[in-house]
Amino acid sequence: MSFHEYLQEDPDCLRLLEGAVLAVGPLLGEREGPPVATTVAGWADQLAGRMPLPWNFHGAVDTLNRFLFQELGLRGDRETYDDPVNAVLPKVIERKRGMPITLSILWMEVARRLGFDAVGVGLPGHFVTGLRLDVGMLYYDPFNGGRSLGVEDAALLVEQATGGRAVFQPSMLTPVSNRAILTRLVRNLHVRFVRMGLWEEALWTSTHLILLLPGESASYRDRAFVRFKLGERLQGLLDLQEAIRLSPEDDPELAAWMERLQED
């Protein structure tokens, strides 16, 4: 199944694990191991028999974290953080290392299979998870072994991850949708590829962003930029025209860009 077909079939991305794999499909290569969903379901089955009786919420979360980060050995990849392989769930499972968002997806999906109301939280510069309870939300950081986060911890994470460029607001702890999680996963890769000048790779990430955000001008603008870098002038102009059409109001920067290209 292509990523386009997946989004048509499951627009809310309820099958998050499948979507996360397809979203970065060009990085997978030809060798395929067991489906990620099968692996994660197996983890949840193992954990189900270890849940504390009588039920204890914090004990259950501790059991989840011990299993994932001590027994399985999953951890944040600090040594090669920007390696695109950290965005590929099958590789994350194989290497036991990943980036914040991929480790968070695995944590969330195991937790959901255990009956927790687990959500993703897209802090600026660092992705974390949350558990919804009747009394409110509790937050966790899978990149750092699933440690519990308070509001002050989250604010410190934002400051460290952005170098102080983003000022923490409590609204940053609002859960995001599964589709937004996939968008952030792909955008992380796209930014890396553009920074490294890997234009062929940036072409498919920008195309996947258009699939995820079909009504947004910025997605077409980004692909236009990549197409021009690849020498695909006609396709770039078409994407730029679409970016201008979708812009909610006249964008002088896009208009000036189009004017310069038409003069060349």
C-alpha atoms as a PDB file:
ATOM      1  CA  MET A   1       0.000   0.000   0.000  1.00  0.00           C
ATOM      2  CA  SER A   2       1.274   3.478  -0.821  1.00  0.00           C
ATOM      3  CA  PHE A   3       1.155   6.344   1.667  1.00  0.00           C
ATOM      4  CA  HIS A   4      -1.438   8.053  -0.547  1.00  0.00           C
ATOM      5  CA  GLU A   5      -3.662   4.975  -0.465  1.00  0.00           C
ATOM      6  CA  TYR A   6      -3.257   4.702   3.299  1.00  0.00           C
ATOM      7  CA  LEU A   7      -4.397   8.303   3.841  1.00  0.00           C
ATOM      8  CA  GLN A   8      -7.408   7.800   1.569  1.00  0.00           C
ATOM      9  CA  GLU A   9      -8.382   4.656   3.459  1.00  0.00           C
ATOM     10  CA  ASP A  10      -7.588   5.961   6.959  1.00  0.00           C
ATOM     11  CA  PRO A  11      -7.655   9.798   6.886  1.00  0.00           C
ATOM     12  CA  ASP A  12      -7.601  10.056  10.694  1.00  0.00           C
ATOM     13  CA  CYS A  13      -4.537   7.786  10.777  1.00  0.00           C
ATOM     14  CA  LEU A  14      -6.087   5.505  13.381  1.00  0.00           C
ATOM     15  CA  ARG A  15      -3.607   2.830  12.293  1.00  0.00           C
ATOM     16  CA  LEU A  16      -0.767   5.002  13.482  1.00  0.00           C
ATOM     17  CA  LEU A  17       1.993   2.383  13.328  1.00  0.00           C
ATOM     18  CA  GLU A  18       1.169   1.473   9.741  1.00  0.00           C
ATOM     19  CA  GLY A  19       1.030   5.144   8.792  1.00  0.00           C
ATOM     20  CA  ALA A  20       4.359   5.897  10.468  1.00  0.00           C
ATOM     21  CA  VAL A  21       6.020   3.132   8.435  1.00  0.00           C
ATOM     22  CA  LEU A  22       4.438   4.160   5.127  1.00  0.00           C
ATOM     23  CA  ALA A  23       5.170   7.851   5.744  1.00  0.00           C
ATOM     24  CA  VAL A  24       8.907   7.134   5.534  1.00  0.00           C
ATOM     25  CA  GLY A  25       8.599   4.217   3.106  1.00  0.00           C
ATOM     26  CA  PRO A  26      11.427   5.291   0.746  1.00  0.00           C
ATOM     27  CA  LEU A  27      13.912   4.799   3.621  1.00  0.00           C
ATOM     28  CA  LEU A  28      12.881   1.213   4.306  1.00  0.00           C
ATOM     29  CA  GLY A  29      14.830  -0.601   1.609  1.00  0.00           C
ATOM     30  CA  GLU A  30      13.848  -4.000   0.291  1.00  0.00           C
ATOM     31  CA  ARG A  31      14.353  -6.152   3.389  1.00  0.00           C
ATOM     32  CA  GLU A  32      11.253  -6.364   5.521  1.00  0.00           C
ATOM     33  CA  GLY A  33      10.989  -7.868   8.965  1.00  0.00           C
ATOM     34  CA  PRO A  34       7.837  -8.594  10.955  1.00  0.00           C
ATOM     35  CA  PRO A  35       5.186  -5.847  10.684  1.00  0.00           C
ATOM     36  CA  VAL A  36       5.705  -3.228  13.358  1.00  0.00           C
ATOM     37  CA  ALA A  37       2.097  -3.618  14.521  1.00  0.00           C
ATOM     38  CA  THR A  38       2.694  -7.342  15.112  1.00  0.00           C
ATOM     39  CA  THR A  39       5.814  -6.616  17.152  1.00  0.00           C
ATOM     40  CA  VAL A  40       4.093  -3.967  19.254  1.00  0.00           C
ATOM     41  CA  ALA A  41       1.062  -6.202  19.826  1.00  0.00           C
ATOM     42  CA  GLY A  42       3.435  -8.905  21.048  1.00  0.00           C
ATOM     43  CA  TRP A  43       5.033  -6.485  23.498  1.00  0.00           C
ATOM     44  CA  ALA A  44       1.610  -5.525  24.814  1.00  0.00           C
ATOM     45  CA  ASP A  45       0.661  -9.191  25.221  1.00  0.00           C
ATOM     46  CA  GLN A  46       3.781  -9.784  27.298  1.00  0.00           C
ATOM     47  CA  LEU A  47       3.072  -6.742  29.435  1.00  0.00           C
ATOM     48  CA  ALA A  48      -0.596  -7.549  30.008  1.00  0.00           C
ATOM     49  CA  GLY A  49       0.334 -10.403  32.341  1.00  0.00           C
ATOM     50  CA  ARG A  50       2.689  -8.171  34.313  1.00  0.00           C
ATOM     51  CA  MET A  51       0.263  -5.420  35.198  1.00  0.00           C
ATOM     52  CA  PRO A  52      -0.002  -4.958  38.983  1.00  0.00           C
ATOM     53  CA  LEU A  53      -2.876  -6.583  40.870  1.00  0.00           C
ATOM     54  CA  PRO A  54      -4.618  -4.972  42.566  1.00  0.00           C
ATOM     55  CA  TRP A  55      -4.468  -2.284  39.891  1.00  0.00           C
ATOM     56  CA  ASN A  56      -2.054   0.552  40.535  1.00  0.00           C
ATOM     57  CA  PHE A  57      -1.734   3.224  37.857  1.00  0.00           C
ATOM     58  CA  HIS A  58       1.798   4.358  38.674  1.00  0.00           C
ATOM     59  CA  GLY A  59       2.936   0.778  39.091  1.00  0.00           C
ATOM     60  CA  ALA A  60       1.533  -0.038  35.663  1.00  0.00           C
ATOM     61  CA  VAL A  61       3.391   2.869  34.040  1.00  0.00           C
ATOM     62  CA  ASP A  62       6.602   1.861  35.809  1.00  0.00           C
ATOM     63  CA  THR A  63       6.166  -1.688  34.463  1.00  0.00           C
ATOM     64  CA  LEU A  64       5.645  -0.316  30.941  1.00  0.00           C
ATOM     65  CA  ASN A  65       8.783   1.822  31.154  1.00  0.00           C
ATOM     66  CA  ARG A  66      10.935  -0.942  32.631  1.00  0.00           C
ATOM     67  CA  PHE A  67       9.886  -3.289  29.845  1.00  0.00           C
ATOM     68  CA  LEU A  68      10.516  -0.864  26.984  1.00  0.00           C
ATOM     69  CA  PHE A  69      13.636   0.903  28.202  1.00  0.00           C
ATOM     70  CA  GLN A  70      15.381  -1.653  30.397  1.00  0.00           C
ATOM     71  CA  GLU A  71      14.291  -5.091  29.209  1.00  0.00           C
ATOM     72  CA  LEU A  72      14.012  -4.272  25.510  1.00  0.00           C
ATOM     73  CA  GLY A  73      16.708  -1.602  25.715  1.00  0.00           C
ATOM     74  CA  LEU A  74      15.024   1.123  23.670  1.00  0.00           C
ATOM     75  CA  ARG A  75      16.749   4.478  24.109  1.00  0.00           C
ATOM     76  CA  GLY A  76      17.139   7.892  22.605  1.00  0.00           C
ATOM     77  CA  ASP A  77      19.882   8.110  19.989  1.00  0.00           C
ATOM     78  CA  ARG A  78      22.064  10.961  21.227  1.00  0.00           C
ATOM     79  CA  GLU A  79      25.159   9.932  19.272  1.00  0.00           C
ATOM     80  CA  THR A  80      23.650  10.030  15.775  1.00  0.00           C
ATOM     81  CA  TYR A  81      20.494  12.015  16.517  1.00  0.00           C
ATOM     82  CA  ASP A  82      20.076  13.414  12.978  1.00  0.00           C
ATOM     83  CA  ASP A  83      20.473  10.062  11.218  1.00  0.00           C
ATOM     84  CA  PRO A  84      17.291   9.592   9.134  1.00  0.00           C
ATOM     85  CA  VAL A  85      17.165   5.940  10.210  1.00  0.00           C
ATOM     86  CA  ASN A  86      15.894   7.179  13.574  1.00  0.00           C
ATOM     87  CA  ALA A  87      12.614   8.036  11.834  1.00  0.00           C
ATOM     88  CA  VAL A  88      12.074   4.478  10.544  1.00  0.00           C
ATOM     89  CA  LEU A  89      10.177   2.356  13.077  1.00  0.00           C
ATOM     90  CA  PRO A  90      11.417  -1.066  11.872  1.00  0.00           C
ATOM     91  CA  LYS A  91      14.996   0.232  12.138  1.00  0.00           C
ATOM     92  CA  VAL A  92      14.322   1.793  15.539  1.00  0.00           C
ATOM     93  CA  ILE A  93      13.098  -1.571  16.812  1.00  0.00           C
ATOM     94  CA  GLU A  94      16.091  -3.352  15.273  1.00  0.00           C
ATOM     95  CA  ARG A  95      18.729  -0.864  16.515  1.00  0.00           C
ATOM     96  CA  LYS A  96      16.974  -0.139  19.840  1.00  0.00           C
ATOM     97  CA  ARG A  97      17.557   3.566  19.226  1.00  0.00           C
ATOM     98  CA  GLY A  98      15.353   6.334  17.943  1.00  0.00           C
ATOM     99  CA  MET A  99      14.339   9.977  17.968  1.00  0.00           C
ATOM    100  CA  PRO A 100      11.758  11.445  20.365  1.00  0.00           C
ATOM    101  CA  ILE A 101       8.794  11.076  18.026  1.00  0.00           C
ATOM    102  CA  THR A 102       9.444   7.464  16.981  1.00  0.00           C
ATOM    103  CA  LEU A 103      10.051   6.315  20.556  1.00  0.00           C
ATOM    104  CA  SER A 104       6.902   8.201  21.572  1.00  0.00           C
ATOM    105  CA  ILE A 105       4.856   6.433  18.878  1.00  0.00           C
ATOM    106  CA  LEU A 106       6.013   3.042  20.140  1.00  0.00           C
ATOM    107  CA  TRP A 107       5.336   4.020  23.772  1.00  0.00           C
ATOM    108  CA  MET A 108       1.864   5.328  22.931  1.00  0.00           C
ATOM    109  CA  GLU A 109       0.852   2.313  20.899  1.00  0.00           C
ATOM    110  CA  VAL A 110       1.915  -0.172  23.562  1.00  0.00           C
ATOM    111  CA  ALA A 111       0.139   1.916  26.213  1.00  0.00           C
ATOM    112  CA  ARG A 112      -3.030   2.084  24.112  1.00  0.00           C
ATOM    113  CA  ARG A 113      -3.070  -1.683  23.731  1.00  0.00           C
ATOM    114  CA  LEU A 114      -2.909  -1.939  27.526  1.00  0.00           C
ATOM    115  CA  GLY A 115      -5.991   0.264  27.864  1.00  0.00           C
ATOM    116  CA  PHE A 116      -4.339   3.606  28.589  1.00  0.00           C
ATOM    117  CA  ASP A 117      -5.648   6.755  26.906  1.00  0.00           C
ATOM    118  CA  ALA A 118      -2.234   7.651  25.496  1.00  0.00           C
ATOM    119  CA  VAL A 119      -1.654  10.747  23.351  1.00  0.00           C
ATOM    120  CA  GLY A 120       1.180  12.525  21.618  1.00  0.00           C
ATOM    121  CA  VAL A 121       2.334  15.982  22.660  1.00  0.00           C
ATOM    122  CA  GLY A 122       4.319  18.007  20.144  1.00  0.00           C
ATOM    123  CA  LEU A 123       6.459  20.342  22.220  1.00  0.00           C
ATOM    124  CA  PRO A 124       8.647  22.668  20.142  1.00  0.00           C
ATOM    125  CA  GLY A 125      11.858  20.779  19.475  1.00  0.00           C
ATOM    126  CA  HIS A 126      10.935  17.663  21.467  1.00  0.00           C
ATOM    127  CA  PHE A 127       8.071  15.192  21.170  1.00  0.00           C
ATOM    128  CA  VAL A 128       6.659  13.593  24.330  1.00  0.00           C
ATOM    129  CA  THR A 129       3.603  11.597  25.378  1.00  0.00           C
ATOM    130  CA  GLY A 130       0.703  11.984  27.757  1.00  0.00           C
ATOM    131  CA  LEU A 131      -1.857   9.861  29.525  1.00  0.00           C
ATOM    132  CA  ARG A 132      -5.364  11.284  29.882  1.00  0.00           C
ATOM    133  CA  LEU A 133      -6.980  10.680  33.273  1.00  0.00           C
ATOM    134  CA  ASP A 134     -10.214  11.842  34.863  1.00  0.00           C
ATOM    135  CA  VAL A 135      -8.188  14.246  36.992  1.00  0.00           C
ATOM    136  CA  GLY A 136      -6.123  15.637  34.117  1.00  0.00           C
ATOM    137  CA  MET A 137      -3.014  14.754  32.125  1.00  0.00           C
ATOM    138  CA  LEU A 138       0.280  13.163  33.062  1.00  0.00           C
ATOM    139  CA  TYR A 139       3.274  13.545  30.744  1.00  0.00           C
ATOM    140  CA  TYR A 140       6.218  11.284  29.921  1.00  0.00           C
ATOM    141  CA  ASP A 141       9.414  11.517  27.884  1.00  0.00           C
ATOM    142  CA  PRO A 142      10.172   8.245  26.031  1.00  0.00           C
ATOM    143  CA  PHE A 143      13.424   9.666  24.620  1.00  0.00           C
ATOM    144  CA  ASN A 144      14.652   9.830  28.212  1.00  0.00           C
ATOM    145  CA  GLY A 145      13.507   6.446  29.425  1.00  0.00           C
ATOM    146  CA  GLY A 146       9.852   7.387  29.900  1.00  0.00           C
ATOM    147  CA  ARG A 147      10.577   9.743  32.768  1.00  0.00           C
ATOM    148  CA  SER A 148       7.640  11.641  34.219  1.00  0.00           C
ATOM    149  CA  LEU A 149       7.352  15.311  33.250  1.00  0.00           C
ATOM    150  CA  GLY A 150       5.791  18.178  35.142  1.00  0.00           C
ATOM    151  CA  VAL A 151       5.008  21.540  33.602  1.00  0.00           C
ATOM    152  CA  GLU A 152       8.360  22.968  34.724  1.00  0.00           C
ATOM    153  CA  ASP A 153      10.168  19.987  33.180  1.00  0.00           C
ATOM    154  CA  ALA A 154       8.323  20.546  29.908  1.00  0.00           C
ATOM    155  CA  ALA A 155       9.265  24.226  29.924  1.00  0.00           C
ATOM    156  CA  LEU A 156      12.922  23.298  30.449  1.00  0.00           C
ATOM    157  CA  LEU A 157      12.757  20.794  27.588  1.00  0.00           C
ATOM    158  CA  VAL A 158      11.417  23.480  25.248  1.00  0.00           C
ATOM    159  CA  GLU A 159      14.125  25.923  26.296  1.00  0.00           C
ATOM    160  CA  GLN A 160      16.885  23.354  25.806  1.00  0.00           C
ATOM    161  CA  ALA A 161      15.535  21.960  22.530  1.00  0.00           C
ATOM    162  CA  THR A 162      15.054  25.370  20.909  1.00  0.00           C
ATOM    163  CA  GLY A 163      17.999  27.175  22.440  1.00  0.00           C
ATOM    164  CA  GLY A 164      15.592  29.600  24.068  1.00  0.00           C
ATOM    165  CA  ARG A 165      14.005  30.621  20.758  1.00  0.00           C
ATOM    166  CA  ALA A 166      10.574  29.336  21.828  1.00  0.00           C
ATOM    167  CA  VAL A 167       8.887  30.605  24.978  1.00  0.00           C
ATOM    168  CA  PHE A 168       6.967  27.844  26.725  1.00  0.00           C
ATOM    169  CA  GLN A 169       3.201  28.188  26.927  1.00  0.00           C
ATOM    170  CA  PRO A 170       0.913  25.700  28.725  1.00  0.00           C
ATOM    171  CA  SER A 171      -1.017  25.291  25.461  1.00  0.00           C
ATOM    172  CA  MET A 172       2.050  23.515  24.065  1.00  0.00           C
ATOM    173  CA  LEU A 173       1.029  20.509  26.188  1.00  0.00           C
ATOM    174  CA  THR A 174      -2.214  20.071  24.222  1.00  0.00           C
ATOM    175  CA  PRO A 175      -2.397  16.583  22.647  1.00  0.00           C
ATOM    176  CA  VAL A 176      -2.103  16.370  18.870  1.00  0.00           C
ATOM    177  CA  SER A 177      -3.927  14.104  16.426  1.00  0.00           C
ATOM    178  CA  ASN A 178      -2.413  10.994  14.862  1.00  0.00           C
ATOM    179  CA  ARG A 179      -2.334  12.758  11.507  1.00  0.00           C
ATOM    180  CA  ALA A 180      -0.430  15.655  13.081  1.00  0.00           C
ATOM    181  CA  ILE A 181       2.053  13.141  14.508  1.00  0.00           C
ATOM    182  CA  LEU A 182       2.752  11.756  11.036  1.00  0.00           C
ATOM    183  CA  THR A 183       3.058  15.286   9.676  1.00  0.00           C
ATOM    184  CA  ARG A 184       5.686  16.119  12.263  1.00  0.00           C
ATOM    185  CA  LEU A 185       7.552  12.866  11.579  1.00  0.00           C
ATOM    186  CA  VAL A 186       7.774  13.662   7.865  1.00  0.00           C
ATOM    187  CA  ARG A 187       8.561  17.337   8.427  1.00  0.00           C
ATOM    188  CA  ASN A 188      11.457  16.423  10.718  1.00  0.00           C
ATOM    189  CA  LEU A 189      12.944  14.374   7.898  1.00  0.00           C
ATOM    190  CA  HIS A 190      12.240  17.057   5.312  1.00  0.00           C
ATOM    191  CA  VAL A 191      14.100  19.695   7.308  1.00  0.00           C
ATOM    192  CA  ARG A 192      17.080  17.346   7.665  1.00  0.00           C
ATOM    193  CA  PHE A 193      17.183  16.554   3.941  1.00  0.00           C
ATOM    194  CA  VAL A 194      16.970  20.219   2.930  1.00  0.00           C
ATOM    195  CA  ARG A 195      19.701  21.142   5.395  1.00  0.00           C
ATOM    196  CA  MET A 196      21.916  18.389   3.947  1.00  0.00           C
ATOM    197  CA  GLY A 197      21.098  19.275   0.329  1.00  0.00           C
ATOM    198  CA  LEU A 198      19.588  15.832  -0.330  1.00  0.00           C
ATOM    199  CA  TRP A 199      17.085  17.063  -2.903  1.00  0.00           C
ATOM    200  CA  GLU A 200      15.833  13.704  -4.202  1.00  0.00           C
ATOM    201  CA  GLU A 201      14.935  12.709  -0.662  1.00  0.00           C
ATOM    202  CA  ALA A 202      13.459  16.143   0.043  1.00  0.00           C
ATOM    203  CA  LEU A 203      11.215  15.685  -3.008  1.00  0.00           C
ATOM    204  CA  TRP A 204       9.399  12.684  -1.527  1.00  0.00           C
ATOM    205  CA  THR A 205       9.163  14.219   1.939  1.00  0.00           C
ATOM    206  CA  SER A 206       7.666  17.401   0.489  1.00  0.00           C
ATOM    207  CA  THR A 207       5.239  15.280  -1.554  1.00  0.00           C
ATOM    208  CA  HIS A 208       4.207  13.383   1.580  1.00  0.00           C
ATOM    209  CA  LEU A 209       3.645  16.697   3.340  1.00  0.00           C
ATOM    210  CA  ILE A 210       1.309  17.721   0.517  1.00  0.00           C
ATOM    211  CA  LEU A 211      -0.584  14.436   0.977  1.00  0.00           C
ATOM    212  CA  LEU A 212      -0.888  15.129   4.696  1.00  0.00           C
ATOM    213  CA  LEU A 213      -1.697  18.837   4.315  1.00  0.00           C
ATOM    214  CA  PRO A 214      -3.346  19.137   0.891  1.00  0.00           C
ATOM    215  CA  GLY A 215      -4.913  22.519   1.554  1.00  0.00           C
ATOM    216  CA  GLU A 216      -1.830  24.290   2.885  1.00  0.00           C
ATOM    217  CA  SER A 217       0.139  26.714   0.770  1.00  0.00           C
ATOM    218  CA  ALA A 218       3.424  26.044   2.592  1.00  0.00           C
ATOM    219  CA  SER A 219       3.550  22.394   1.486  1.00  0.00           C
ATOM    220  CA  TYR A 220       3.457  23.351  -2.193  1.00  0.00           C
ATOM    221  CA  ARG A 221       5.917  26.190  -1.635  1.00  0.00           C
ATOM    222  CA  ASP A 222       8.368  23.757  -0.046  1.00  0.00           C
ATOM    223  CA  ARG A 223       8.068  21.298  -2.930  1.00  0.00           C
ATOM    224  CA  ALA A 224       8.465  24.107  -5.460  1.00  0.00           C
ATOM    225  CA  PHE A 225      11.760  25.048  -3.799  1.00  0.00           C
ATOM    226  CA  VAL A 226      12.963  21.433  -4.017  1.00  0.00           C
ATOM    227  CA  ARG A 227      11.890  21.088  -7.653  1.00  0.00           C
ATOM    228  CA  PHE A 228      13.834  24.188  -8.641  1.00  0.00           C
ATOM    229  CA  LYS A 229      16.897  22.773  -6.858  1.00  0.00           C
ATOM    230  CA  LEU A 230      16.469  19.605  -8.954  1.00  0.00           C
ATOM    231  CA  GLY A 231      16.149  21.636 -12.160  1.00  0.00           C
ATOM    232  CA  GLU A 232      12.466  20.729 -12.585  1.00  0.00           C
ATOM    233  CA  ARG A 233      11.407  24.222 -13.575  1.00  0.00           C
ATOM    234  CA  LEU A 234       7.956  23.482 -15.037  1.00  0.00           C
ATOM    235  CA  GLN A 235       6.887  21.299 -12.118  1.00  0.00           C
ATOM    236  CA  GLY A 236       8.280  23.900  -9.730  1.00  0.00           C
ATOM    237  CA  LEU A 237       6.240  26.647 -11.368  1.00  0.00           C
ATOM    238  CA  LEU A 238       3.090  24.535 -11.106  1.00  0.00           C
ATOM    239  CA  ASP A 239       3.702  23.967  -7.397  1.00  0.00           C
ATOM    240  CA  LEU A 240       4.384  27.655  -6.886  1.00  0.00           C
ATOM    241  CA  GLN A 241       1.137  28.563  -8.660  1.00  0.00           C
ATOM    242  CA  GLU A 242      -0.730  26.174  -6.373  1.00  0.00           C
ATOM    243  CA  ALA A 243       0.983  27.690  -3.326  1.00  0.00           C
ATOM    244  CA  ILE A 244      -0.192  31.139  -4.412  1.00  0.00           C
ATOM    245  CA  ARG A 245      -3.729  29.858  -5.045  1.00  0.00           C
ATOM    246  CA  LEU A 246      -3.932  28.277  -1.606  1.00  0.00           C
ATOM    247  CA  SER A 247      -2.421  31.223   0.248  1.00  0.00           C
ATOM    248  CA  PRO A 248      -5.172  32.609   2.518  1.00  0.00           C
ATOM    249  CA  GLU A 249      -4.245  36.143   1.504  1.00  0.00           C
ATOM    250  CA  ASP A 250      -1.926  37.760  -1.005  1.00  0.00           C
ATOM    251  CA  ASP A 251       1.601  36.653  -0.182  1.00  0.00           C
ATOM    252  CA  PRO A 252       4.021  39.260  -1.557  1.00  0.00           C
ATOM    253  CA  GLU A 253       6.991  36.916  -1.149  1.00  0.00           C
ATOM    254  CA  LEU A 254       5.374  34.199  -3.276  1.00  0.00           C
ATOM    255  CA  ALA A 255       4.221  36.738  -5.846  1.00  0.00           C
ATOM    256  CA  ALA A 256       7.704  38.261  -6.100  1.00  0.00           C
ATOM    257  CA  TRP A 257       9.224  34.783  -6.466  1.00  0.00           C
ATOM    258  CA  MET A 258       6.834  33.977  -9.311  1.00  0.00           C
ATOM    259  CA  GLU A 259       7.549  37.303 -11.005  1.00  0.00           C
ATOM    260  CA  ARG A 260      11.324  36.733 -10.913  1.00  0.00           C
ATOM    261  CA  LEU A 261      10.933  33.250 -12.372  1.00  0.00           C
ATOM    262  CA  GLN A 262       8.707  34.462 -15.183  1.00  0.00           C
ATOM    263  CA  GLU A 263      11.282  37.122 -16.080  1.00  0.00           C
ATOM    264  CA  ASP A 264      14.118  34.582 -16.370  1.00  0.00           C
END
